[in-house]
Protein backbone atom coordinates (compact mmCIF):
# COMPACT_ATOMS: atom_id res chain seq x y z
CA UNK A 1 -41.07 -1.04 42.01
CA UNK A 2 -43.30 1.09 41.58
CA UNK A 3 -45.73 1.14 38.48
CA UNK A 4 -44.69 4.99 38.20
CA UNK A 5 -41.07 4.26 38.94
CA UNK A 6 -40.99 1.38 35.86
CA UNK A 7 -42.55 3.81 33.53
CA UNK A 8 -39.88 6.94 34.46
CA UNK A 9 -37.17 4.07 33.33
CA UNK A 10 -38.85 3.37 30.22
CA UNK A 11 -39.16 7.19 29.28
CA UNK A 12 -35.82 7.71 30.43
CA UNK A 13 -34.18 5.15 28.45
CA UNK A 14 -36.20 5.81 25.00
CA UNK A 15 -35.48 9.55 25.24
CA UNK A 16 -31.79 8.31 26.13
CA UNK A 17 -31.77 6.07 22.41
CA UNK A 18 -33.69 8.94 20.69
CA UNK A 19 -31.04 11.29 21.41
CA UNK A 20 -28.11 8.95 20.19
CA UNK A 21 -30.01 7.73 17.17
CA UNK A 22 -30.21 11.36 16.08
CA UNK A 23 -26.61 12.24 17.23
CA UNK A 24 -25.56 9.10 14.85
CA UNK A 25 -27.78 10.23 12.64
CA UNK A 26 -26.13 13.52 12.41
CA UNK A 27 -23.25 12.08 12.16
CA UNK A 28 -23.27 10.31 9.44
CA UNK A 29 -24.88 13.08 7.61
CA UNK A 30 -21.80 15.53 8.32
CA UNK A 31 -19.32 12.39 6.95
CA UNK A 32 -20.91 10.77 4.80
CA UNK A 33 -19.58 13.70 1.68
CA UNK A 34 -15.77 12.94 3.39
CA UNK A 35 -16.35 9.35 3.27
CA UNK A 36 -17.47 8.80 -0.34
CA UNK A 37 -14.98 11.18 -1.23
CA UNK A 38 -12.62 9.35 0.36
CA UNK A 39 -13.77 5.89 -1.72
CA UNK A 40 -13.72 7.74 -5.04
CA UNK A 41 -10.08 9.03 -4.44
CA UNK A 42 -9.23 5.16 -3.57
CA UNK A 43 -10.84 3.49 -6.82
CA UNK A 44 -9.17 6.69 -9.23
CA UNK A 45 -5.75 5.35 -7.17
CA UNK A 46 -6.66 1.56 -8.03
CA UNK A 47 -7.35 2.25 -12.15
CA UNK A 48 -4.13 4.17 -12.15
CA UNK A 49 -2.42 1.34 -10.69
CA UNK A 50 -4.11 -1.29 -12.91
CA UNK A 51 -3.82 0.84 -16.13
CA UNK A 52 -0.86 2.89 -15.62
CA UNK A 53 -0.81 3.97 -19.31
CA UNK A 54 -4.02 5.55 -19.93
CA UNK A 55 -5.69 9.02 -20.90
CA UNK A 56 -8.25 8.78 -18.61
CA UNK A 57 -11.37 6.52 -18.09
CA UNK A 58 -14.95 6.65 -19.11
CA UNK A 59 -17.41 4.44 -17.10
CA UNK A 60 -19.55 1.56 -19.46
CA UNK A 61 -23.16 1.73 -18.36
CA UNK A 62 -24.65 -0.12 -20.69
CA UNK A 63 -23.38 -3.60 -20.28
CA UNK A 64 -25.87 -6.36 -19.81
CA UNK A 65 -26.49 -9.01 -17.54
CA UNK A 66 -23.39 -7.73 -14.57
CA UNK A 67 -22.25 -10.31 -12.53
CA UNK A 68 -22.94 -9.10 -8.97
CA UNK A 69 -18.95 -9.06 -8.41
CA UNK A 70 -18.74 -6.37 -10.37
CA UNK A 71 -18.90 -2.88 -9.05
CA UNK A 72 -18.05 -0.51 -12.39
CA UNK A 73 -16.21 -0.93 -15.70
CA UNK A 74 -14.66 1.46 -17.27
CA UNK A 75 -12.81 2.18 -20.84
CA UNK A 76 -9.09 4.07 -21.06
CA UNK A 77 -10.20 7.07 -23.46
CA UNK A 78 -7.80 6.12 -25.80
CA UNK A 79 -9.41 2.60 -26.34
CA UNK A 80 -6.18 0.45 -25.40
CA UNK A 81 -7.81 -1.15 -21.88
CA UNK A 82 -10.44 -1.39 -19.40
CA UNK A 83 -10.60 -1.62 -15.93
CA UNK A 84 -12.79 -2.32 -13.52
CA UNK A 85 -13.77 -2.45 -9.74
CA UNK A 86 -14.92 -5.41 -8.40
CA UNK A 87 -16.00 -6.84 -4.83
CA UNK A 88 -15.76 -10.75 -3.73
CA UNK A 89 -17.08 -12.03 -0.41
CA UNK A 90 -13.94 -13.70 1.46
CA UNK A 91 -13.86 -14.65 4.76
CA UNK A 92 -16.06 -11.90 6.05
CA UNK A 93 -19.23 -11.70 2.98
CA UNK A 94 -20.62 -8.11 4.81
CA UNK A 95 -17.42 -6.74 4.57
CA UNK A 96 -16.06 -7.79 0.64
CA UNK A 97 -12.53 -7.45 -0.85
CA UNK A 98 -12.62 -4.85 -2.91
CA UNK A 99 -10.31 -5.47 -6.28
CA UNK A 100 -9.41 -3.37 -9.29
CA UNK A 101 -8.23 -5.38 -12.58
CA UNK A 102 -6.85 -3.95 -15.42
CA UNK A 103 -6.52 -5.34 -19.16
CA UNK A 104 -5.16 -4.51 -21.95
CA UNK A 105 -6.41 -4.27 -25.99
CA UNK A 106 -6.43 -8.32 -26.30
CA UNK A 107 -8.31 -9.04 -23.32
CA UNK A 108 -5.09 -10.00 -20.54
CA UNK A 109 -4.92 -8.61 -17.73
CA UNK A 110 -2.23 -6.14 -17.03
CA UNK A 111 -2.60 -5.83 -13.35
CA UNK A 112 -4.69 -6.85 -10.16
CA UNK A 113 -4.74 -4.13 -7.40
CA UNK A 114 -6.38 -4.45 -3.80
CA UNK A 115 -8.39 -1.34 -2.78
CA UNK A 116 -9.61 -3.06 0.09
CA UNK A 117 -9.60 -6.53 2.36
CA UNK A 118 -9.95 -5.04 6.20
CA UNK A 119 -12.87 -8.31 6.86
CA UNK A 120 -10.47 -11.00 6.23
CA UNK A 121 -8.53 -12.57 8.50
CA UNK A 122 -4.80 -10.76 9.05
CA UNK A 123 -2.11 -12.25 7.76
CA UNK A 124 -4.24 -15.15 6.40
CA UNK A 125 -6.82 -13.62 4.06
CA UNK A 126 -5.08 -10.36 3.49
CA UNK A 127 -2.63 -12.68 1.90
CA UNK A 128 -4.45 -11.90 -1.54
CA UNK A 129 -2.93 -8.02 -1.26
CA UNK A 130 0.42 -9.65 -1.46
CA UNK A 131 2.67 -9.06 -4.77
CA UNK A 132 3.32 -12.74 -4.77
CA UNK A 133 -0.31 -13.91 -5.27
CA UNK A 134 -1.15 -10.97 -7.82
CA UNK A 135 1.55 -11.06 -9.76
CA UNK A 136 0.31 -14.22 -11.36
CA UNK A 137 -2.52 -13.15 -12.76
CA UNK A 138 -0.35 -10.49 -14.45
CA UNK A 139 -0.45 -11.43 -18.70
CA UNK A 140 -2.98 -13.60 -18.26
CA UNK A 141 -5.37 -14.46 -20.75
CA UNK A 142 -7.68 -16.76 -18.70
CA UNK A 143 -7.66 -18.61 -15.15
CA UNK A 144 -5.11 -21.25 -16.42
CA UNK A 145 -2.33 -21.46 -14.09
CA UNK A 146 -4.13 -19.45 -10.88
CA UNK A 147 -3.42 -20.84 -7.58
CA UNK A 148 -5.46 -20.16 -4.64
CA UNK A 149 -3.26 -19.40 -1.12
CA UNK A 150 -2.95 -22.22 1.02
CA UNK A 151 -4.61 -21.28 4.76
CA UNK A 152 -6.43 -18.53 2.50
CA UNK A 153 -8.58 -20.69 0.64
CA UNK A 154 -12.09 -18.56 1.13
CA UNK A 155 -10.33 -15.10 0.36
CA UNK A 156 -8.27 -16.55 -2.58
CA UNK A 157 -11.02 -18.50 -4.03
CA UNK A 158 -13.50 -15.49 -3.69
CA UNK A 159 -10.78 -13.54 -5.20
CA UNK A 160 -10.47 -16.10 -8.37
CA UNK A 161 -14.08 -15.86 -8.88
CA UNK A 162 -14.70 -12.31 -9.31
CA UNK A 163 -11.16 -12.31 -12.10
CA UNK A 164 -13.40 -14.97 -13.83
CA UNK A 165 -16.80 -12.94 -13.95
CA UNK A 166 -14.11 -10.19 -15.18
CA UNK A 167 -12.83 -12.13 -17.71
CA UNK A 168 -16.98 -13.03 -18.55
CA UNK A 169 -17.52 -8.98 -18.87
CA UNK A 170 -14.60 -8.88 -20.96
CA UNK A 171 -15.73 -11.26 -23.92
CA UNK A 172 -19.18 -9.60 -23.69
CA UNK A 173 -17.67 -6.18 -24.55
CA UNK A 174 -15.36 -8.02 -26.99
CA UNK A 175 -18.34 -9.54 -28.53
CA UNK A 176 -20.31 -6.46 -28.54
CA UNK A 177 -17.63 -4.28 -30.09
CA UNK A 178 -17.75 -7.10 -32.76
CA UNK A 179 -21.18 -6.68 -33.44
CA UNK A 180 -21.31 -2.62 -33.78
């Protein structure tokens, strides 16, 4: 192959790569707002699912030392509960399990809800979204008596770890409320 042909091949390949990269950037710019809106809708649905008797939510911004698993904390505007969005690194740590959990005013779990667990092995790790697993958290004030899923230990252990972190945040909120 001649030196001139090699240079032409390199220029063509680089040009193709630049065109494709520009097209992908353009598509990202067009779709990012829609993707964000869909995600916000999913989160709103999840908050409603874990605290159905709410008067709307206000996001709490000033909670010190939030664990990495806690994405956001919301208070029911009537003060009847706290809802949290959690992220647990299960089987596929690049695509974590998205969880919502609601607590009543006494710090007990009202409900857990799985927003997404697409990175988990279908039929195994995705069992974290089954009602039989989620219902064991209802009414709990701690993690006593909560079991992992046989065969889905990584996913369910990550889920339990995120819920434990949520309990820690509830303790922090309650401690700060007692000081105020």
